[in-house]
């Protein structure tokens, strides 16, 4: 295993539980890829330009597009934050802001330990 995936708080779990079985299977497939492949294709994991280390896990199922924000910690750890279904070409700014806020909160809490 190249990377370990962890969830921060319950943001991702709440999103995941709302998805149908086939979408959940696709999400799990992409997570396995992220955990095991040295160079993950941008089709599945991409840095969001203009952000300070925020990435998006990219999931497509049929004609639906899903995004899950995350970041790397200590090089190998993928910390999952919020997820949403994408309805337009551009990623909504409010979702990016939410991802950045959660990432900041994660590192602030971690650094207090």
Protein backbone atom coordinates (compact mmCIF):
# COMPACT_ATOMS: atom_id res chain seq x y z
CA UNK A 1 0.00 0.00 0.00
CA UNK A 2 1.41 3.37 -1.07
CA UNK A 3 -1.11 5.67 0.64
CA UNK A 4 -3.43 5.43 3.58
CA UNK A 5 -6.85 7.08 3.45
CA UNK A 6 -8.47 8.49 6.58
CA UNK A 7 -11.68 10.43 7.13
CA UNK A 8 -11.74 13.69 9.06
CA UNK A 9 -14.85 14.09 11.20
CA UNK A 10 -18.05 12.81 9.53
CA UNK A 11 -18.17 15.02 6.40
CA UNK A 12 -17.28 12.28 3.94
CA UNK A 13 -19.32 9.54 5.66
CA UNK A 14 -22.47 11.70 5.51
CA UNK A 15 -21.93 12.25 1.77
CA UNK A 16 -21.09 8.57 1.15
CA UNK A 17 -24.17 7.26 2.98
CA UNK A 18 -26.46 9.28 0.68
CA UNK A 19 -25.13 7.61 -2.49
CA UNK A 20 -26.63 4.60 -4.20
CA UNK A 21 -24.86 1.23 -4.20
CA UNK A 22 -23.29 1.61 -7.66
CA UNK A 23 -21.84 5.05 -6.84
CA UNK A 24 -20.44 3.65 -3.56
CA UNK A 25 -18.74 0.83 -5.51
CA UNK A 26 -17.18 3.37 -7.88
CA UNK A 27 -15.97 5.50 -4.94
CA UNK A 28 -14.38 2.41 -3.35
CA UNK A 29 -12.71 1.53 -6.67
CA UNK A 30 -11.15 5.01 -6.95
CA UNK A 31 -9.99 4.85 -3.30
CA UNK A 32 -8.24 1.51 -3.96
CA UNK A 33 -6.52 3.09 -6.95
CA UNK A 34 -5.36 6.06 -4.85
CA UNK A 35 -4.08 3.72 -2.14
CA UNK A 36 -2.14 1.45 -4.49
CA UNK A 37 -1.00 3.33 -7.61
CA UNK A 38 2.26 5.33 -7.42
CA UNK A 39 1.15 8.01 -9.91
CA UNK A 40 -2.61 8.44 -9.73
CA UNK A 41 -4.00 9.76 -13.05
CA UNK A 42 -5.47 13.29 -12.91
CA UNK A 43 -8.73 11.76 -14.04
CA UNK A 44 -9.08 10.42 -10.46
CA UNK A 45 -7.09 12.81 -8.25
CA UNK A 46 -6.23 16.40 -9.06
CA UNK A 47 -4.79 19.39 -7.19
CA UNK A 48 -7.16 22.35 -7.19
CA UNK A 49 -5.21 25.28 -8.55
CA UNK A 50 -5.45 28.43 -6.48
CA UNK A 51 -5.68 26.45 -3.23
CA UNK A 52 -3.06 25.69 -0.63
CA UNK A 53 -2.86 21.90 -0.94
CA UNK A 54 -6.50 21.02 -1.53
CA UNK A 55 -7.10 18.10 -3.90
CA UNK A 56 -10.24 16.60 -5.35
CA UNK A 57 -10.97 12.92 -5.77
CA UNK A 58 -12.86 12.70 -9.04
CA UNK A 59 -15.59 10.13 -9.50
CA UNK A 60 -17.76 9.69 -12.55
CA UNK A 61 -20.61 7.24 -12.73
CA UNK A 62 -22.76 7.18 -15.86
CA UNK A 63 -23.43 10.87 -16.51
CA UNK A 64 -23.03 11.95 -12.88
CA UNK A 65 -19.88 13.60 -11.55
CA UNK A 66 -18.86 13.58 -7.90
CA UNK A 67 -16.03 15.34 -6.10
CA UNK A 68 -14.51 14.63 -2.70
CA UNK A 69 -12.04 17.16 -1.32
CA UNK A 70 -8.95 15.91 0.45
CA UNK A 71 -5.33 16.71 1.23
CA UNK A 72 -2.09 14.89 1.86
CA UNK A 73 -0.55 14.77 5.30
CA UNK A 74 2.94 13.50 5.97
CA UNK A 75 3.31 12.62 2.30
CA UNK A 76 1.23 9.47 2.18
CA UNK A 77 -1.95 10.16 4.09
CA UNK A 78 -5.05 11.21 2.17
CA UNK A 79 -7.46 12.99 4.51
CA UNK A 80 -11.00 13.10 3.15
CA UNK A 81 -13.24 16.09 3.73
CA UNK A 82 -16.52 17.09 2.10
CA UNK A 83 -18.06 15.51 -0.99
CA UNK A 84 -20.74 16.69 -3.39
CA UNK A 85 -22.33 15.96 -6.73
CA UNK A 86 -21.13 18.31 -9.43
CA UNK A 87 -23.90 19.87 -11.51
CA UNK A 88 -21.90 22.34 -13.63
CA UNK A 89 -18.53 22.50 -15.41
CA UNK A 90 -16.95 24.65 -12.72
CA UNK A 91 -16.50 23.45 -9.16
CA UNK A 92 -18.70 25.69 -6.98
CA UNK A 93 -16.68 28.26 -5.02
CA UNK A 94 -18.69 27.60 -1.87
CA UNK A 95 -17.67 23.91 -1.97
CA UNK A 96 -14.00 24.88 -2.44
CA UNK A 97 -14.23 27.33 0.49
CA UNK A 98 -15.82 24.63 2.62
CA UNK A 99 -13.02 22.19 1.71
CA UNK A 100 -10.37 24.79 2.56
CA UNK A 101 -12.06 25.60 5.88
CA UNK A 102 -12.21 21.90 6.84
CA UNK A 103 -8.55 21.38 5.80
CA UNK A 104 -7.46 24.36 7.93
CA UNK A 105 -9.45 23.02 10.88
CA UNK A 106 -7.85 19.56 10.45
CA UNK A 107 -4.28 20.92 10.56
CA UNK A 108 -5.05 23.31 13.44
CA UNK A 109 -6.45 20.44 15.53
CA UNK A 110 -3.58 18.15 14.60
CA UNK A 111 -0.96 20.74 15.52
CA UNK A 112 -2.53 21.28 18.97
CA UNK A 113 -1.90 17.64 19.91
